[in-house]
Amino acid sequence: MERERLQKVIANAGVASRRKAEQMIQDGKVKVNGKLVTELGVKVSDSDRVEVEGIELTKEEKRYFLLYKPRGVVSAVTDDKGRSVVTDYFDDIPERLYPVGRLDYETSGLLLMTNDGEFANLLMHPKYNVEKRYVARVKGIPEKEKLQQLARGIVIEGKKTAKAKVRQLSFDKAKQKAIIEITIHEGRNRQVRKMFEAIGHPVQKLTREAYGFLDLRHLNAGESRELSHHEVKQLKSLAKFGQKPQG
């Protein structure tokens, strides 16, 4: 009988990403056949009974959604401050979904949701590079040289960002603001905001417009759609083979 690592089984059941599942094991939240397991490396089979925080795992159908996350919503399953979270938009879905990566609280745009831990882990892994396109409204009108700095890579928190694609879409001299499109493939925390802060043009509004070949067309903030089987296959292929690091 085939046996798999416990954290992989938990992730595949849609409870959490594999990394989070490892932490849950170490935190003493997982039992196998009634016995507490806190060491990584344990393998289980379909005949074993696995419980996470007292709830027995059941195999769920894999689901994949594209959500247009509104501003003022947390990219998490729960929030200790009582704020709206992205799973609030999937109350009618029986599977336990969670976000692939995150968009910060004030950023809107495209966010993937799934209960497939392997899929989420693949897309979030640093060695794989899926392009993410953002549109930012920034304070002031950046000079061409500053935009070129962003494109070449800029040091934030002691580490240089990879090369990016940057172009100015419009500007308003009277209101002293500009609309900039920037495409990156990294996933550092609040990266786009920090990049613009580094050149002296802080972000006033930020939207993730595209993730790989996916975009927000036909969706309004708070709306979602389920990905097709073909789109899921394309995403997996894109993560593994479609793009190479640019920097």
Protein backbone atom coordinates (compact mmCIF):
# COMPACT_ATOMS: atom_id res chain seq x y z
CA MET A 1 0.00 0.00 0.00
CA GLU A 2 1.42 3.38 -1.03
CA ARG A 3 2.48 5.61 1.83
CA GLU A 4 2.99 9.39 1.71
CA ARG A 5 4.47 11.93 4.07
CA LEU A 6 1.96 13.17 6.61
CA GLN A 7 2.35 16.85 5.70
CA LYS A 8 1.65 16.06 2.04
CA VAL A 9 -1.52 14.17 2.96
CA ILE A 10 -2.71 17.11 5.07
CA ALA A 11 -1.97 19.55 2.26
CA ASN A 12 -3.71 17.41 -0.33
CA ALA A 13 -6.78 17.28 1.91
CA GLY A 14 -7.06 21.04 1.57
CA VAL A 15 -6.37 21.88 5.21
CA ALA A 16 -3.31 24.06 4.58
CA SER A 17 -0.20 24.40 2.44
CA ARG A 18 2.51 21.80 3.01
CA ARG A 19 4.68 24.29 4.89
CA LYS A 20 1.80 25.20 7.17
CA ALA A 21 0.99 21.50 7.62
CA GLU A 22 4.56 20.88 8.79
CA GLN A 23 4.16 23.61 11.39
CA MET A 24 0.85 22.13 12.57
CA ILE A 25 2.56 18.76 13.07
CA GLN A 26 5.37 20.33 15.08
CA ASP A 27 2.83 22.29 17.13
CA GLY A 28 1.14 19.07 18.24
CA LYS A 29 -2.10 19.55 16.31
CA VAL A 30 -2.02 16.26 14.39
CA LYS A 31 -2.88 12.70 15.38
CA VAL A 32 -2.48 9.47 13.41
CA ASN A 33 -4.68 6.57 14.51
CA GLY A 34 -5.35 8.40 17.77
CA LYS A 35 -1.68 9.03 18.60
CA LEU A 36 -0.12 12.48 18.64
CA VAL A 37 2.58 13.00 15.98
CA THR A 38 5.04 15.88 16.33
CA GLU A 39 7.97 14.65 14.23
CA LEU A 40 8.26 15.34 10.51
CA GLY A 41 8.95 12.41 8.20
CA VAL A 42 6.09 10.17 9.32
CA LYS A 43 4.38 8.42 6.41
CA VAL A 44 0.76 7.28 6.27
CA SER A 45 -1.50 5.32 3.91
CA ASP A 46 -5.19 5.48 3.05
CA SER A 47 -5.92 3.01 5.86
CA ASP A 48 -4.57 5.38 8.53
CA ARG A 49 -6.91 7.80 10.32
CA VAL A 50 -5.47 11.32 10.38
CA GLU A 51 -6.91 14.08 12.59
CA VAL A 52 -5.94 17.75 12.44
CA GLU A 53 -7.06 19.81 15.42
CA GLY A 54 -9.53 17.08 16.32
CA ILE A 55 -11.12 16.87 12.85
CA GLU A 56 -10.64 13.73 10.76
CA LEU A 57 -9.36 14.29 7.24
CA THR A 58 -11.56 13.43 4.31
CA LYS A 59 -10.45 13.42 0.71
CA GLU A 60 -11.95 16.41 -1.08
CA GLU A 61 -12.41 17.05 -4.76
CA LYS A 62 -9.72 19.47 -5.91
CA ARG A 63 -11.13 22.93 -6.63
CA TYR A 64 -9.47 25.97 -8.19
CA PHE A 65 -10.89 29.49 -8.27
CA LEU A 66 -9.90 32.93 -9.46
CA LEU A 67 -11.09 35.67 -7.06
CA TYR A 68 -11.14 39.41 -7.66
CA LYS A 69 -10.13 40.35 -4.12
CA PRO A 70 -11.50 43.72 -3.01
CA ARG A 71 -9.50 46.22 -0.99
CA GLY A 72 -9.98 45.89 2.76
CA VAL A 73 -10.05 42.08 2.75
CA VAL A 74 -7.42 39.83 4.36
CA SER A 75 -5.77 37.10 2.26
CA ALA A 76 -6.31 34.43 4.88
CA VAL A 77 -8.79 31.82 6.09
CA THR A 78 -9.39 33.59 9.42
CA ASP A 79 -8.45 36.91 10.99
CA ASP A 80 -7.97 37.51 14.70
CA LYS A 81 -9.09 41.13 14.29
CA GLY A 82 -12.46 40.14 12.90
CA ARG A 83 -11.85 41.63 9.45
CA SER A 84 -13.28 40.21 6.23
CA VAL A 85 -11.23 37.36 4.76
CA VAL A 86 -11.11 35.93 1.25
CA THR A 87 -12.89 32.71 2.25
CA ASP A 88 -15.98 34.80 3.09
CA TYR A 89 -16.62 34.89 -0.66
CA PHE A 90 -16.89 31.09 -0.88
CA ASP A 91 -19.50 30.29 1.77
CA ASP A 92 -21.39 28.12 -0.72
CA ILE A 93 -18.32 25.96 -1.49
CA PRO A 94 -18.12 22.88 0.78
CA GLU A 95 -14.38 22.35 0.26
CA ARG A 96 -11.92 24.12 2.55
CA LEU A 97 -10.29 26.69 0.29
CA TYR A 98 -7.31 28.90 1.08
CA PRO A 99 -5.39 31.53 -0.92
CA VAL A 100 -2.34 30.81 -3.07
CA GLY A 101 0.06 33.43 -1.75
CA ARG A 102 -1.44 36.72 -0.65
CA LEU A 103 -2.35 40.27 -1.57
CA ASP A 104 -2.00 42.78 1.24
CA TYR A 105 -5.07 44.24 2.95
CA GLU A 106 -5.22 47.43 0.86
CA THR A 107 -4.39 45.78 -2.47
CA SER A 108 -7.14 44.50 -4.74
CA GLY A 109 -6.99 42.14 -7.68
CA LEU A 110 -6.42 38.62 -8.86
CA LEU A 111 -5.95 35.96 -6.19
CA LEU A 112 -6.07 32.20 -6.70
CA MET A 113 -7.96 30.02 -4.21
CA THR A 114 -7.70 26.24 -3.93
CA ASN A 115 -7.79 23.21 -1.65
CA ASP A 116 -4.92 21.57 -3.55
CA GLY A 117 -1.79 21.89 -1.42
CA GLU A 118 0.55 20.55 -4.08
CA PHE A 119 -0.75 23.08 -6.60
CA ALA A 120 -0.39 25.95 -4.12
CA ASN A 121 3.12 24.86 -3.15
CA LEU A 122 4.17 24.67 -6.80
CA LEU A 123 3.00 28.18 -7.61
CA MET A 124 4.47 29.73 -4.44
CA HIS A 125 7.87 28.01 -4.58
CA PRO A 126 10.72 30.54 -5.07
CA LYS A 127 12.36 28.47 -7.83
CA TYR A 128 9.28 28.80 -10.04
CA ASN A 129 8.45 32.11 -11.64
CA VAL A 130 4.97 33.13 -12.70
CA GLU A 131 4.63 36.72 -13.87
CA LYS A 132 2.27 38.98 -11.93
CA ARG A 133 1.12 42.25 -13.49
CA TYR A 134 0.08 45.19 -11.30
CA VAL A 135 -1.33 48.63 -12.01
CA ALA A 136 -0.34 51.25 -9.42
CA ARG A 137 -1.49 54.80 -8.88
CA VAL A 138 1.49 56.56 -7.34
CA LYS A 139 2.09 59.92 -5.76
CA GLY A 140 3.97 62.29 -8.05
CA ILE A 141 5.18 61.64 -11.58
CA PRO A 142 8.28 59.41 -11.68
CA GLU A 143 11.10 60.45 -13.99
CA LYS A 144 12.04 58.01 -16.71
CA GLU A 145 15.30 57.14 -14.94
CA LYS A 146 13.45 56.11 -11.80
CA LEU A 147 11.21 53.77 -13.77
CA GLN A 148 14.31 52.33 -15.40
CA GLN A 149 15.73 51.70 -11.93
CA LEU A 150 12.67 49.63 -11.09
CA ALA A 151 13.03 47.71 -14.36
CA ARG A 152 16.71 46.94 -13.74
CA GLY A 153 16.14 45.93 -10.13
CA ILE A 154 16.24 47.99 -6.97
CA VAL A 155 17.49 47.22 -3.46
CA ILE A 156 14.77 46.89 -0.85
CA GLU A 157 15.55 45.65 2.65
CA GLY A 158 19.11 44.82 1.62
CA LYS A 159 18.21 42.63 -1.34
CA LYS A 160 17.97 43.60 -5.00
CA THR A 161 14.75 42.80 -6.81
CA ALA A 162 14.82 40.86 -10.06
CA LYS A 163 14.31 42.64 -13.36
CA ALA A 164 10.78 43.89 -13.98
CA LYS A 165 8.71 45.24 -16.85
CA VAL A 166 7.64 48.82 -16.17
CA ARG A 167 5.70 51.37 -18.20
CA GLN A 168 3.83 54.57 -17.48
CA LEU A 169 0.19 54.41 -18.58
CA SER A 170 -0.82 57.99 -17.79
CA PHE A 171 -0.13 60.98 -15.53
CA ASP A 172 -1.92 64.03 -14.18
CA LYS A 173 0.27 67.10 -13.62
CA ALA A 174 -2.46 69.01 -11.82
CA LYS A 175 -3.11 66.23 -9.28
CA GLN A 176 0.53 65.11 -9.26
CA LYS A 177 -0.14 61.43 -9.74
CA ALA A 178 0.71 58.76 -12.30
CA ILE A 179 -0.57 55.35 -13.31
CA ILE A 180 2.22 52.80 -13.70
CA GLU A 181 2.04 49.20 -14.88
CA ILE A 182 4.67 46.88 -13.41
CA THR A 183 5.18 43.15 -14.00
CA ILE A 184 7.24 41.09 -11.56
CA HIS A 185 7.70 37.37 -10.96
CA GLU A 186 8.86 37.41 -7.34
CA GLY A 187 6.53 37.24 -4.36
CA ARG A 188 8.21 39.20 -1.57
CA ASN A 189 5.97 40.77 1.06
CA ARG A 190 4.46 44.09 -0.15
CA GLN A 191 7.13 44.12 -2.83
CA VAL A 192 5.51 46.48 -5.34
CA ARG A 193 4.68 49.05 -2.67
CA LYS A 194 8.22 48.90 -1.29
CA MET A 195 9.72 49.29 -4.77
CA PHE A 196 7.80 52.50 -5.41
CA GLU A 197 8.57 53.79 -1.92
CA ALA A 198 12.25 53.21 -2.67
CA ILE A 199 12.13 55.63 -5.64
CA GLY A 200 10.16 58.24 -3.69
CA HIS A 201 6.74 57.67 -5.26
CA PRO A 202 4.54 55.82 -2.75
CA VAL A 203 1.58 53.81 -3.97
CA GLN A 204 -1.87 55.31 -3.41
CA LYS A 205 -3.82 52.46 -5.00
CA LEU A 206 -2.70 49.04 -6.22
CA THR A 207 -4.40 46.28 -8.20
CA ARG A 208 -3.02 42.95 -9.40
CA GLU A 209 -4.40 42.77 -12.93
CA ALA A 210 -2.94 39.46 -14.08
CA TYR A 211 -1.32 36.26 -12.85
CA GLY A 212 0.45 34.47 -15.69
CA PHE A 213 -2.11 34.22 -18.50
CA LEU A 214 -5.08 34.82 -16.17
CA ASP A 215 -6.69 38.24 -15.82
CA LEU A 216 -9.72 39.91 -14.26
CA ARG A 217 -11.86 40.31 -17.36
CA HIS A 218 -15.63 39.95 -16.82
CA LEU A 219 -15.21 40.08 -13.01
CA ASN A 220 -16.03 42.81 -10.52
CA ALA A 221 -14.47 43.14 -7.07
CA GLY A 222 -15.74 40.32 -4.84
CA GLU A 223 -16.64 38.05 -7.76
CA SER A 224 -14.95 34.77 -8.64
CA ARG A 225 -14.98 32.00 -11.21
CA GLU A 226 -13.80 28.41 -11.18
CA LEU A 227 -10.77 27.62 -13.31
CA SER A 228 -11.15 25.10 -16.08
CA HIS A 229 -9.19 21.85 -16.11
CA HIS A 230 -7.17 23.22 -19.02
CA GLU A 231 -6.31 26.43 -17.13
CA VAL A 232 -5.09 24.42 -14.13
CA LYS A 233 -2.86 22.33 -16.41
CA GLN A 234 -1.56 25.50 -18.05
CA LEU A 235 -0.70 27.04 -14.69
CA LYS A 236 1.22 23.96 -13.58
CA SER A 237 3.11 23.92 -16.87
CA LEU A 238 3.81 27.66 -16.68
CA ALA A 239 5.20 27.38 -13.17
CA LYS A 240 7.50 24.53 -14.09
CA PHE A 241 8.58 25.37 -17.61
CA GLY A 242 7.05 28.59 -18.88
CA GLN A 243 9.30 31.27 -17.43
CA LYS A 244 12.88 31.55 -16.32
CA PRO A 245 14.28 33.93 -13.74
CA GLN A 246 15.05 37.32 -15.26
CA GLY A 247 17.61 38.58 -12.78
